Amino acid sequence: MRDKNRIPKILNELERIWKSNPDFRLGQLIVAGAKPKEPCPEVFYIEDEDLLDGLLKFDKRAELDNEKPKIVHDWKIFSNVSRIDPKQLTTELLEKLIFELKNSDKKIVITPINLMKLNGAPVSDQTWLLNQKPRIKKLKKLLIELKENGLLNERKSKQDFLGIKEVGYDIVE
């Protein structure tokens, strides 16, 4: 069993550093402190509100997980935008995906890369990601159309994922 005395030490140090760098998100601080060999964009870019929401649901989720006999993976639920030929990507397909996301418990910022992550695409592999530029370009164009159609709201802050600038969107409720 791990020593419980480590918890206040880590939290105190985290609080000290975070208070002196209040513009950082918690995920950024954790990644900076951990210095992982591979990028951790899911942790680095998580908004503090989303992390807090997940933490507040943590105990409840553990209870529900114990009751669930079967786990359904995202790639079985959501349209696979990371495998379809980019020429076959359409606003109708993305509308369906947005509808699926809206009715699920998934709370993500809608970006081309995050949509591909839903299907388990290896988005942290820079070589793979560089080969996906036509797909990303098409998805960006389609997301702009969905914003113009009133299905998405553009976020004010832009994301930079492994050198790729992305506009994030929220689903209109």
N, C-alpha and C. Protein backbone atom coordinates (compact mmCIF):
# COMPACT_ATOMS: atom_id res chain seq x y z
N MET A 1 0.83 -1.17 0.00
CA MET A 1 0.00 0.00 0.00
C MET A 1 0.88 1.24 0.00
N ARG A 2 0.44 2.24 -0.73
CA ARG A 2 1.23 3.48 -0.82
C ARG A 2 1.08 4.33 0.44
N ASP A 3 2.11 5.09 0.71
CA ASP A 3 2.14 5.95 1.89
C ASP A 3 1.17 7.13 1.68
N LYS A 4 0.19 7.27 2.55
CA LYS A 4 -0.80 8.35 2.43
C LYS A 4 -0.19 9.72 2.71
N ASN A 5 0.97 9.76 3.37
CA ASN A 5 1.62 11.03 3.68
C ASN A 5 2.14 11.75 2.43
N ARG A 6 2.26 11.03 1.33
CA ARG A 6 2.74 11.66 0.10
C ARG A 6 1.70 12.64 -0.46
N ILE A 7 0.42 12.40 -0.18
CA ILE A 7 -0.66 13.19 -0.79
C ILE A 7 -0.58 14.67 -0.40
N PRO A 8 -0.53 15.03 0.88
CA PRO A 8 -0.45 16.46 1.20
C PRO A 8 0.83 17.11 0.70
N LYS A 9 1.94 16.36 0.68
CA LYS A 9 3.20 16.92 0.17
C LYS A 9 3.05 17.31 -1.30
N ILE A 10 2.50 16.40 -2.10
CA ILE A 10 2.32 16.67 -3.53
C ILE A 10 1.31 17.79 -3.74
N LEU A 11 0.19 17.75 -3.03
CA LEU A 11 -0.84 18.78 -3.20
C LEU A 11 -0.33 20.16 -2.78
N ASN A 12 0.45 20.23 -1.70
CA ASN A 12 1.02 21.51 -1.26
C ASN A 12 1.97 22.08 -2.30
N GLU A 13 2.82 21.23 -2.85
CA GLU A 13 3.76 21.70 -3.87
C GLU A 13 3.03 22.13 -5.14
N LEU A 14 2.03 21.35 -5.52
CA LEU A 14 1.22 21.68 -6.69
C LEU A 14 0.52 23.02 -6.47
N GLU A 15 -0.05 23.21 -5.29
CA GLU A 15 -0.74 24.47 -4.98
C GLU A 15 0.23 25.65 -5.04
N ARG A 16 1.42 25.49 -4.49
CA ARG A 16 2.42 26.57 -4.48
C ARG A 16 2.79 26.98 -5.90
N ILE A 17 3.08 25.98 -6.74
CA ILE A 17 3.49 26.26 -8.12
C ILE A 17 2.32 26.83 -8.93
N TRP A 18 1.14 26.26 -8.74
CA TRP A 18 -0.02 26.72 -9.51
C TRP A 18 -0.39 28.15 -9.16
N LYS A 19 -0.31 28.50 -7.87
CA LYS A 19 -0.63 29.87 -7.47
C LYS A 19 0.35 30.87 -8.07
N SER A 20 1.59 30.45 -8.29
CA SER A 20 2.57 31.36 -8.91
C SER A 20 2.46 31.34 -10.43
N ASN A 21 1.67 30.42 -10.99
CA ASN A 21 1.44 30.32 -12.44
C ASN A 21 -0.06 30.09 -12.69
N PRO A 22 -0.92 31.06 -12.31
CA PRO A 22 -2.36 30.82 -12.36
C PRO A 22 -2.95 30.66 -13.76
N ASP A 23 -2.22 31.05 -14.80
CA ASP A 23 -2.74 30.91 -16.16
C ASP A 23 -2.61 29.48 -16.68
N PHE A 24 -1.84 28.66 -15.99
CA PHE A 24 -1.69 27.27 -16.40
C PHE A 24 -2.95 26.49 -16.04
N ARG A 25 -3.24 25.48 -16.86
CA ARG A 25 -4.27 24.51 -16.50
C ARG A 25 -3.58 23.41 -15.69
N LEU A 26 -4.35 22.70 -14.89
CA LEU A 26 -3.79 21.64 -14.06
C LEU A 26 -3.09 20.59 -14.93
N GLY A 27 -3.69 20.23 -16.05
CA GLY A 27 -3.09 19.25 -16.94
C GLY A 27 -1.72 19.69 -17.44
N GLN A 28 -1.58 20.98 -17.74
CA GLN A 28 -0.29 21.50 -18.18
C GLN A 28 0.76 21.32 -17.08
N LEU A 29 0.39 21.64 -15.84
CA LEU A 29 1.33 21.51 -14.73
C LEU A 29 1.75 20.06 -14.51
N ILE A 30 0.78 19.16 -14.61
CA ILE A 30 1.09 17.75 -14.39
C ILE A 30 2.04 17.24 -15.48
N VAL A 31 1.76 17.58 -16.73
CA VAL A 31 2.63 17.15 -17.83
C VAL A 31 4.02 17.78 -17.68
N ALA A 32 4.07 19.06 -17.29
CA ALA A 32 5.38 19.72 -17.10
C ALA A 32 6.16 19.05 -15.97
N GLY A 33 5.47 18.66 -14.91
CA GLY A 33 6.15 18.00 -13.79
C GLY A 33 6.56 16.58 -14.12
N ALA A 34 5.73 15.87 -14.86
CA ALA A 34 6.01 14.47 -15.19
C ALA A 34 7.06 14.32 -16.28
N LYS A 35 7.15 15.30 -17.18
CA LYS A 35 8.08 15.26 -18.31
C LYS A 35 8.04 13.91 -19.03
N PRO A 36 6.88 13.54 -19.58
CA PRO A 36 6.76 12.24 -20.25
C PRO A 36 7.59 12.17 -21.52
N LYS A 37 8.01 10.96 -21.88
CA LYS A 37 8.79 10.75 -23.10
C LYS A 37 7.93 10.99 -24.33
N GLU A 38 6.65 10.63 -24.25
CA GLU A 38 5.70 10.83 -25.34
C GLU A 38 4.75 11.96 -24.95
N PRO A 39 4.28 12.75 -25.93
CA PRO A 39 3.33 13.81 -25.60
C PRO A 39 2.04 13.22 -25.00
N CYS A 40 1.43 13.98 -24.14
CA CYS A 40 0.16 13.58 -23.50
C CYS A 40 -0.89 14.66 -23.75
N PRO A 41 -1.32 14.83 -24.99
CA PRO A 41 -2.23 15.94 -25.29
C PRO A 41 -3.56 15.85 -24.56
N GLU A 42 -4.04 14.64 -24.29
CA GLU A 42 -5.32 14.50 -23.58
C GLU A 42 -5.22 15.11 -22.19
N VAL A 43 -4.08 14.96 -21.54
CA VAL A 43 -3.88 15.53 -20.21
C VAL A 43 -3.51 17.01 -20.32
N PHE A 44 -2.59 17.34 -21.22
CA PHE A 44 -2.09 18.70 -21.34
C PHE A 44 -3.20 19.70 -21.67
N TYR A 45 -4.10 19.33 -22.58
CA TYR A 45 -5.10 20.27 -23.07
C TYR A 45 -6.44 20.20 -22.34
N ILE A 46 -6.59 19.33 -21.36
CA ILE A 46 -7.88 19.24 -20.69
C ILE A 46 -8.17 20.55 -19.95
N GLU A 47 -9.36 21.05 -20.12
CA GLU A 47 -9.77 22.27 -19.42
C GLU A 47 -10.03 21.91 -17.96
N ASP A 48 -9.71 22.83 -17.07
CA ASP A 48 -9.88 22.57 -15.64
C ASP A 48 -11.34 22.22 -15.30
N GLU A 49 -12.29 22.88 -15.97
CA GLU A 49 -13.71 22.61 -15.70
C GLU A 49 -14.05 21.16 -16.06
N ASP A 50 -13.51 20.67 -17.18
CA ASP A 50 -13.77 19.29 -17.59
C ASP A 50 -13.14 18.29 -16.63
N LEU A 51 -11.94 18.61 -16.15
CA LEU A 51 -11.28 17.75 -15.18
C LEU A 51 -12.07 17.72 -13.86
N LEU A 52 -12.51 18.89 -13.42
CA LEU A 52 -13.30 18.96 -12.19
C LEU A 52 -14.59 18.16 -12.35
N ASP A 53 -15.23 18.29 -13.48
CA ASP A 53 -16.46 17.54 -13.73
C ASP A 53 -16.19 16.03 -13.64
N GLY A 54 -15.10 15.59 -14.23
CA GLY A 54 -14.74 14.17 -14.17
C GLY A 54 -14.43 13.72 -12.75
N LEU A 55 -13.76 14.58 -11.99
CA LEU A 55 -13.44 14.23 -10.60
C LEU A 55 -14.72 14.15 -9.75
N LEU A 56 -15.65 15.10 -9.99
CA LEU A 56 -16.90 15.08 -9.23
C LEU A 56 -17.72 13.83 -9.54
N LYS A 57 -17.57 13.32 -10.75
CA LYS A 57 -18.32 12.13 -11.15
C LYS A 57 -17.56 10.84 -10.84
N PHE A 58 -16.34 10.95 -10.33
CA PHE A 58 -15.46 9.80 -10.15
C PHE A 58 -16.09 8.70 -9.30
N ASP A 59 -16.55 9.04 -8.11
CA ASP A 59 -17.15 8.03 -7.23
C ASP A 59 -18.40 7.44 -7.85
N LYS A 60 -19.22 8.30 -8.42
CA LYS A 60 -20.47 7.84 -9.03
C LYS A 60 -20.16 6.90 -10.20
N ARG A 61 -19.14 7.25 -11.01
CA ARG A 61 -18.76 6.43 -12.15
C ARG A 61 -18.25 5.07 -11.71
N ALA A 62 -17.49 5.04 -10.62
CA ALA A 62 -16.97 3.76 -10.11
C ALA A 62 -18.13 2.86 -9.71
N GLU A 63 -19.15 3.44 -9.08
CA GLU A 63 -20.32 2.64 -8.70
C GLU A 63 -21.04 2.11 -9.93
N LEU A 64 -21.22 3.00 -10.92
CA LEU A 64 -21.92 2.58 -12.14
C LEU A 64 -21.11 1.54 -12.92
N ASP A 65 -19.79 1.71 -12.95
CA ASP A 65 -18.95 0.76 -13.68
C ASP A 65 -19.05 -0.64 -13.08
N ASN A 66 -19.21 -0.71 -11.76
CA ASN A 66 -19.34 -2.02 -11.13
C ASN A 66 -20.65 -2.69 -11.50
N GLU A 67 -21.65 -1.88 -11.83
CA GLU A 67 -22.95 -2.44 -12.21
C GLU A 67 -23.00 -2.84 -13.69
N LYS A 68 -22.17 -2.23 -14.51
CA LYS A 68 -22.21 -2.48 -15.95
C LYS A 68 -21.53 -3.80 -16.28
N PRO A 69 -22.22 -4.70 -16.96
CA PRO A 69 -21.59 -5.97 -17.32
C PRO A 69 -20.70 -5.85 -18.55
N LYS A 70 -20.92 -4.83 -19.38
CA LYS A 70 -20.22 -4.76 -20.65
C LYS A 70 -19.81 -3.34 -20.95
N ILE A 71 -18.57 -3.16 -21.42
CA ILE A 71 -18.08 -1.85 -21.82
C ILE A 71 -18.24 -1.72 -23.33
N VAL A 72 -18.83 -0.61 -23.76
CA VAL A 72 -18.97 -0.34 -25.19
C VAL A 72 -17.92 0.70 -25.55
N HIS A 73 -17.02 0.36 -26.44
CA HIS A 73 -15.93 1.24 -26.82
C HIS A 73 -16.42 2.33 -27.77
N ASP A 74 -15.76 3.51 -27.68
CA ASP A 74 -16.15 4.64 -28.52
C ASP A 74 -16.19 4.27 -30.00
N TRP A 75 -15.23 3.48 -30.47
CA TRP A 75 -15.16 3.19 -31.89
C TRP A 75 -16.34 2.36 -32.36
N LYS A 76 -17.05 1.72 -31.44
CA LYS A 76 -18.25 0.98 -31.82
C LYS A 76 -19.47 1.89 -31.90
N ILE A 77 -19.39 3.04 -31.26
CA ILE A 77 -20.53 3.94 -31.19
C ILE A 77 -20.44 5.05 -32.24
N PHE A 78 -19.29 5.68 -32.35
CA PHE A 78 -19.16 6.89 -33.14
C PHE A 78 -18.66 6.61 -34.55
N SER A 79 -19.15 7.41 -35.50
CA SER A 79 -18.72 7.30 -36.89
C SER A 79 -17.20 7.38 -36.97
N ASN A 80 -16.63 6.52 -37.80
CA ASN A 80 -15.17 6.43 -37.86
C ASN A 80 -14.59 7.40 -38.89
N VAL A 81 -14.45 8.65 -38.48
CA VAL A 81 -13.94 9.68 -39.39
C VAL A 81 -12.44 9.53 -39.64
N SER A 82 -11.77 8.69 -38.87
CA SER A 82 -10.33 8.53 -39.06
C SER A 82 -10.00 7.44 -40.08
N ARG A 83 -10.99 6.68 -40.54
CA ARG A 83 -10.72 5.62 -41.51
C ARG A 83 -11.39 5.85 -42.85
N ILE A 84 -12.46 6.61 -42.86
CA ILE A 84 -13.18 6.88 -44.10
C ILE A 84 -12.29 7.70 -45.02
N ASP A 85 -12.36 7.42 -46.29
CA ASP A 85 -11.65 8.24 -47.28
C ASP A 85 -12.10 9.69 -47.09
N PRO A 86 -11.15 10.63 -46.96
CA PRO A 86 -11.53 12.03 -46.74
C PRO A 86 -12.55 12.56 -47.76
N LYS A 87 -12.52 12.03 -48.97
CA LYS A 87 -13.48 12.48 -50.00
C LYS A 87 -14.90 12.06 -49.65
N GLN A 88 -15.05 11.04 -48.80
CA GLN A 88 -16.38 10.56 -48.42
C GLN A 88 -16.91 11.23 -47.15
N LEU A 89 -16.11 12.06 -46.52
CA LEU A 89 -16.58 12.80 -45.35
C LEU A 89 -17.57 13.86 -45.80
N THR A 90 -18.72 13.91 -45.15
CA THR A 90 -19.78 14.86 -45.53
C THR A 90 -20.33 15.56 -44.29
N THR A 91 -21.03 16.64 -44.51
CA THR A 91 -21.68 17.33 -43.39
C THR A 91 -22.73 16.42 -42.77
N GLU A 92 -23.41 15.60 -43.58
CA GLU A 92 -24.42 14.69 -43.06
C GLU A 92 -23.79 13.69 -42.08
N LEU A 93 -22.63 13.16 -42.45
CA LEU A 93 -21.94 12.21 -41.58
C LEU A 93 -21.55 12.89 -40.26
N LEU A 94 -21.00 14.10 -40.36
CA LEU A 94 -20.61 14.81 -39.14
C LEU A 94 -21.82 15.24 -38.32
N GLU A 95 -22.93 15.59 -38.97
CA GLU A 95 -24.15 15.90 -38.23
C GLU A 95 -24.58 14.69 -37.40
N LYS A 96 -24.50 13.51 -38.01
CA LYS A 96 -24.85 12.28 -37.29
C LYS A 96 -23.91 12.08 -36.10
N LEU A 97 -22.63 12.30 -36.31
CA LEU A 97 -21.64 12.16 -35.25
C LEU A 97 -21.91 13.17 -34.13
N ILE A 98 -22.22 14.41 -34.49
CA ILE A 98 -22.52 15.44 -33.49
C ILE A 98 -23.76 15.04 -32.70
N PHE A 99 -24.77 14.50 -33.38
CA PHE A 99 -25.99 14.04 -32.72
C PHE A 99 -25.66 12.91 -31.74
N GLU A 100 -24.80 11.97 -32.17
CA GLU A 100 -24.39 10.87 -31.29
C GLU A 100 -23.66 11.41 -30.05
N LEU A 101 -22.77 12.38 -30.26
CA LEU A 101 -22.02 12.96 -29.15
C LEU A 101 -22.96 13.71 -28.19
N LYS A 102 -23.90 14.44 -28.77
CA LYS A 102 -24.84 15.22 -27.96
C LYS A 102 -25.66 14.31 -27.04
N ASN A 103 -26.01 13.13 -27.54
CA ASN A 103 -26.83 12.20 -26.77
C ASN A 103 -26.01 11.23 -25.92
N SER A 104 -24.70 11.38 -25.94
CA SER A 104 -23.84 10.49 -25.14
C SER A 104 -23.37 11.25 -23.90
N ASP A 105 -22.58 10.57 -23.09
CA ASP A 105 -22.01 11.25 -21.92
C ASP A 105 -20.64 11.83 -22.24
N LYS A 106 -20.22 11.78 -23.51
CA LYS A 106 -18.92 12.33 -23.91
C LYS A 106 -18.99 13.84 -23.93
N LYS A 107 -18.07 14.47 -23.27
CA LYS A 107 -17.96 15.92 -23.27
C LYS A 107 -16.59 16.27 -23.82
N ILE A 108 -16.53 16.55 -25.11
CA ILE A 108 -15.25 16.89 -25.72
C ILE A 108 -15.38 18.20 -26.47
N VAL A 109 -14.25 18.85 -26.65
CA VAL A 109 -14.17 19.98 -27.54
C VAL A 109 -14.10 19.38 -28.94
N ILE A 110 -14.98 19.82 -29.82
CA ILE A 110 -15.02 19.26 -31.17
C ILE A 110 -13.90 19.88 -32.00
N THR A 111 -12.94 19.06 -32.38
CA THR A 111 -11.87 19.43 -33.31
C THR A 111 -11.65 18.22 -34.21
N PRO A 112 -11.03 18.41 -35.36
CA PRO A 112 -10.75 17.24 -36.20
C PRO A 112 -9.97 16.15 -35.46
N ILE A 113 -8.97 16.54 -34.71
CA ILE A 113 -8.14 15.55 -34.02
C ILE A 113 -8.93 14.85 -32.92
N ASN A 114 -9.73 15.60 -32.16
CA ASN A 114 -10.54 14.97 -31.12
C ASN A 114 -11.57 14.01 -31.71
N LEU A 115 -12.12 14.34 -32.88
CA LEU A 115 -13.06 13.42 -33.53
C LEU A 115 -12.36 12.13 -33.93
N MET A 116 -11.12 12.23 -34.39
CA MET A 116 -10.37 11.03 -34.77
C MET A 116 -9.99 10.22 -33.53
N LYS A 117 -9.74 10.91 -32.41
CA LYS A 117 -9.40 10.22 -31.16
C LYS A 117 -10.52 9.31 -30.70
N LEU A 118 -11.77 9.70 -30.98
CA LEU A 118 -12.91 8.89 -30.57
C LEU A 118 -12.81 7.46 -31.10
N ASN A 119 -12.17 7.30 -32.24
CA ASN A 119 -12.06 6.00 -32.88
C ASN A 119 -10.73 5.32 -32.59
N GLY A 120 -9.98 5.88 -31.66
CA GLY A 120 -8.71 5.26 -31.29
C GLY A 120 -7.59 5.54 -32.27
N ALA A 121 -7.74 6.59 -33.09
CA ALA A 121 -6.68 6.93 -34.05
C ALA A 121 -5.42 7.32 -33.28
N PRO A 122 -4.25 6.97 -33.81
CA PRO A 122 -2.99 7.27 -33.11
C PRO A 122 -2.55 8.72 -33.30
N VAL A 123 -3.36 9.66 -32.78
CA VAL A 123 -3.12 11.08 -33.03
C VAL A 123 -1.83 11.60 -32.39
N SER A 124 -1.28 10.90 -31.42
CA SER A 124 -0.03 11.36 -30.82
C SER A 124 1.19 10.93 -31.64
N ASP A 125 0.98 10.14 -32.69
CA ASP A 125 2.06 9.73 -33.59
C ASP A 125 2.20 10.80 -34.68
N GLN A 126 3.25 11.61 -34.59
CA GLN A 126 3.43 12.73 -35.52
C GLN A 126 3.48 12.29 -36.97
N THR A 127 4.12 11.18 -37.25
CA THR A 127 4.20 10.69 -38.63
C THR A 127 2.81 10.37 -39.16
N TRP A 128 2.03 9.66 -38.36
CA TRP A 128 0.67 9.32 -38.78
C TRP A 128 -0.14 10.59 -38.99
N LEU A 129 -0.02 11.52 -38.04
CA LEU A 129 -0.79 12.76 -38.09
C LEU A 129 -0.43 13.60 -39.31
N LEU A 130 0.84 13.65 -39.64
CA LEU A 130 1.25 14.41 -40.84
C LEU A 130 0.63 13.84 -42.11
N ASN A 131 0.42 12.54 -42.13
CA ASN A 131 -0.21 11.91 -43.29
C ASN A 131 -1.72 12.15 -43.34
N GLN A 132 -2.27 12.74 -42.28
CA GLN A 132 -3.71 12.97 -42.20
C GLN A 132 -4.11 14.40 -42.57
N LYS A 133 -3.17 15.17 -43.14
CA LYS A 133 -3.47 16.58 -43.45
C LYS A 133 -4.70 16.74 -44.35
N PRO A 134 -4.88 15.92 -45.40
CA PRO A 134 -6.10 16.08 -46.22
C PRO A 134 -7.38 15.82 -45.41
N ARG A 135 -7.34 14.83 -44.53
CA ARG A 135 -8.50 14.52 -43.69
C ARG A 135 -8.78 15.67 -42.72
N ILE A 136 -7.73 16.19 -42.10
CA ILE A 136 -7.89 17.28 -41.14
C ILE A 136 -8.44 18.52 -41.85
N LYS A 137 -7.92 18.80 -43.03
CA LYS A 137 -8.39 19.96 -43.81
C LYS A 137 -9.88 19.81 -44.13
N LYS A 138 -10.29 18.62 -44.55
CA LYS A 138 -11.69 18.38 -44.88
C LYS A 138 -12.57 18.49 -43.64
N LEU A 139 -12.12 17.91 -42.52
CA LEU A 139 -12.89 17.99 -41.28
C LEU A 139 -13.03 19.45 -40.81
N LYS A 140 -11.96 20.24 -40.94
CA LYS A 140 -12.03 21.66 -40.56
C LYS A 140 -13.10 22.37 -41.38
N LYS A 141 -13.10 22.10 -42.67
CA LYS A 141 -14.08 22.73 -43.58
C LYS A 141 -15.51 22.33 -43.17
N LEU A 142 -15.72 21.06 -42.88
CA LEU A 142 -17.04 20.58 -42.51
C LEU A 142 -17.49 21.13 -41.16
N LEU A 143 -16.57 21.28 -40.23
CA LEU A 143 -16.92 21.85 -38.93
C LEU A 143 -17.34 23.32 -39.07
N ILE A 144 -16.68 24.04 -39.96
CA ILE A 144 -17.08 25.43 -40.23
C ILE A 144 -18.51 25.46 -40.78
N GLU A 145 -18.83 24.53 -41.68
CA GLU A 145 -20.19 24.45 -42.22
C GLU A 145 -21.20 24.16 -41.12
N LEU A 146 -20.86 23.25 -40.21
CA LEU A 146 -21.77 22.92 -39.12
C LEU A 146 -21.95 24.11 -38.17
N LYS A 147 -20.88 24.91 -38.01
CA LYS A 147 -20.99 26.12 -37.21
C LYS A 147 -21.94 27.10 -37.90
N GLU A 148 -21.78 27.26 -39.20
CA GLU A 148 -22.64 28.17 -39.97
C GLU A 148 -24.09 27.69 -39.97
N ASN A 149 -24.30 26.36 -39.86
CA ASN A 149 -25.65 25.80 -39.82
C ASN A 149 -26.26 25.85 -38.42
N GLY A 150 -25.48 26.36 -37.43
CA GLY A 150 -26.01 26.52 -36.09
C GLY A 150 -25.90 25.30 -35.18
N LEU A 151 -25.15 24.27 -35.60
CA LEU A 151 -25.00 23.08 -34.76
C LEU A 151 -23.85 23.20 -33.76
N LEU A 152 -22.88 24.06 -34.07
CA LEU A 152 -21.70 24.20 -33.23
C LEU A 152 -21.45 25.67 -32.90
N ASN A 153 -20.86 25.90 -31.74
CA ASN A 153 -20.38 27.23 -31.35
C ASN A 153 -18.87 27.19 -31.30
N GLU A 154 -18.23 28.19 -31.90
CA GLU A 154 -16.77 28.24 -31.88
C GLU A 154 -16.29 28.70 -30.52
N ARG A 155 -15.26 28.04 -30.02
CA ARG A 155 -14.63 28.45 -28.77
C ARG A 155 -13.71 29.62 -29.05
N LYS A 156 -13.49 30.44 -28.04
CA LYS A 156 -12.63 31.61 -28.22
C LYS A 156 -11.17 31.24 -28.33
N SER A 157 -10.74 30.23 -27.57
CA SER A 157 -9.33 29.86 -27.59
C SER A 157 -9.08 28.79 -28.65
N LYS A 158 -7.95 28.91 -29.31
CA LYS A 158 -7.55 27.93 -30.30
C LYS A 158 -6.57 26.96 -29.66
N GLN A 159 -6.52 25.74 -30.19
CA GLN A 159 -5.63 24.73 -29.66
C GLN A 159 -4.50 24.48 -30.65
N ASP A 160 -3.35 24.14 -30.12
CA ASP A 160 -2.21 23.77 -30.94
C ASP A 160 -1.85 22.35 -30.54
N PHE A 161 -2.05 21.41 -31.45
CA PHE A 161 -1.79 20.01 -31.16
C PHE A 161 -0.68 19.53 -32.07
N LEU A 162 0.49 19.28 -31.49
CA LEU A 162 1.67 18.82 -32.24
C LEU A 162 1.92 19.67 -33.48
N GLY A 163 1.80 20.99 -33.30
CA GLY A 163 2.08 21.91 -34.40
C GLY A 163 0.90 22.16 -35.33
N ILE A 164 -0.24 21.54 -35.07
CA ILE A 164 -1.42 21.76 -35.90
C ILE A 164 -2.37 22.67 -35.14
N LYS A 165 -2.67 23.83 -35.74
CA LYS A 165 -3.59 24.78 -35.11
C LYS A 165 -5.02 24.30 -35.33
N GLU A 166 -5.78 24.27 -34.25
CA GLU A 166 -7.17 23.82 -34.35
C GLU A 166 -8.11 24.80 -33.67
N VAL A 167 -9.24 25.00 -34.30
CA VAL A 167 -10.33 25.74 -33.69
C VAL A 167 -11.21 24.71 -33.00
N GLY A 168 -11.59 24.98 -31.78
CA GLY A 168 -12.46 24.06 -31.06
C GLY A 168 -13.89 24.54 -31.10
N TYR A 169 -14.82 23.58 -31.06
CA TYR A 169 -16.25 23.89 -31.09
C TYR A 169 -16.95 23.16 -29.96
N ASP A 170 -18.04 23.77 -29.50
CA ASP A 170 -18.94 23.12 -28.56
C ASP A 170 -20.25 22.84 -29.30
N ILE A 171 -20.94 21.80 -28.88
CA ILE A 171 -22.21 21.45 -29.48
C ILE A 171 -23.27 22.40 -28.94
N VAL A 172 -24.08 22.96 -29.83
CA VAL A 172 -25.18 23.83 -29.42
C VAL A 172 -26.23 22.97 -28.74
N GLU A 173 -26.63 23.40 -27.55
CA GLU A 173 -27.64 22.62 -26.80
C GLU A 173 -29.03 22.94 -27.27
